[in-house]
Amino acid sequence: MAEALRRADWGWLLAGVFAYGAVEILGAIQWQLLLRIQGFRLPWLQATSIFFIGVFFTLFTPGLIAGDAVQILYLVKAKPERKAGAVLVVVMDRILGLLALVALAIVVAAARFHWLRRTPVAAKLFDLTIILLAVGLLSLIGAVPAAKSRWLQKLFSALHLADKIVEIRDALRCYLVSRRRMAIAFSLTVTAHLFYFGTFYCTGRALEGNVMAASAVVRRDAFDHADCKHADRAAHQLCWNWSA
């Protein structure tokens, strides 16, 4: 790691840092917008603090739900009477992220379909990604009629959850009627995803010289211990490993 950083292009690394910073800044703005739609009138500093606390727990704890749980906990602590709204803020954040990924995946797949499937491994990863995104999108679409089904409402009534469902439905209606602000939130999510992809691009460009250097080392070692055919194969395999 230290050797890779020493050889890296620091201009591209700094660009990657700024790109990731833009991701979190846009995320904080979108978070504040979702809070306002739901009726959470929190100061910018408090709302941003809750957002970044969630980011911290998402990055440094196992799994992806720890950050969401912490954000809900702090929102409920700030507004105890808005428990359903607190949950929906986090859920809507995830839904917008999924929709943004689906939209970008469609654009990229249409533009670079053959390039994304140029190797057997890349083709399998591409197919798996499309399947996972499709399952997520279909689950989201199927949840809408399922929530309105009579048998599910009877089940909630039997479990004495009817009042909670009404509360969640009223909170969800806030997002459905705020189409303009939801469109802005979605555009912020898409832009944040583009900057996130830019972070990986900048990192790859920063370490690009290391790939060529490592390839040269492998080629030299292979010449010392095998014939030219094996040397080319070893260098080629290392380049594919780095690019993957």
Foldseek 3Di string as FASTA:
>chain_A
DVVLVVQFDVVLLVLLVVLLVLLLVLVLVLLVLLCVLLPNPDPSVLSSVLQVQLVVCCVPPPDRCPSLVSSLVVSCVVPVVQSLLSNVSSVVSVVLLLVLVVVVLVVCCVVCVCVQPVDPVSVVVNVVVVVVSVVVVVVVVVVVVVLVDPVVCVVCVVVVNNVVSVSNVVSVVSVVVPVVSVVVSSVSSNSSVVSNVSSVVSVCNRSVVVLVVVLVVQLVVCVVPHPNVVSVVRSVVSSVVSVD
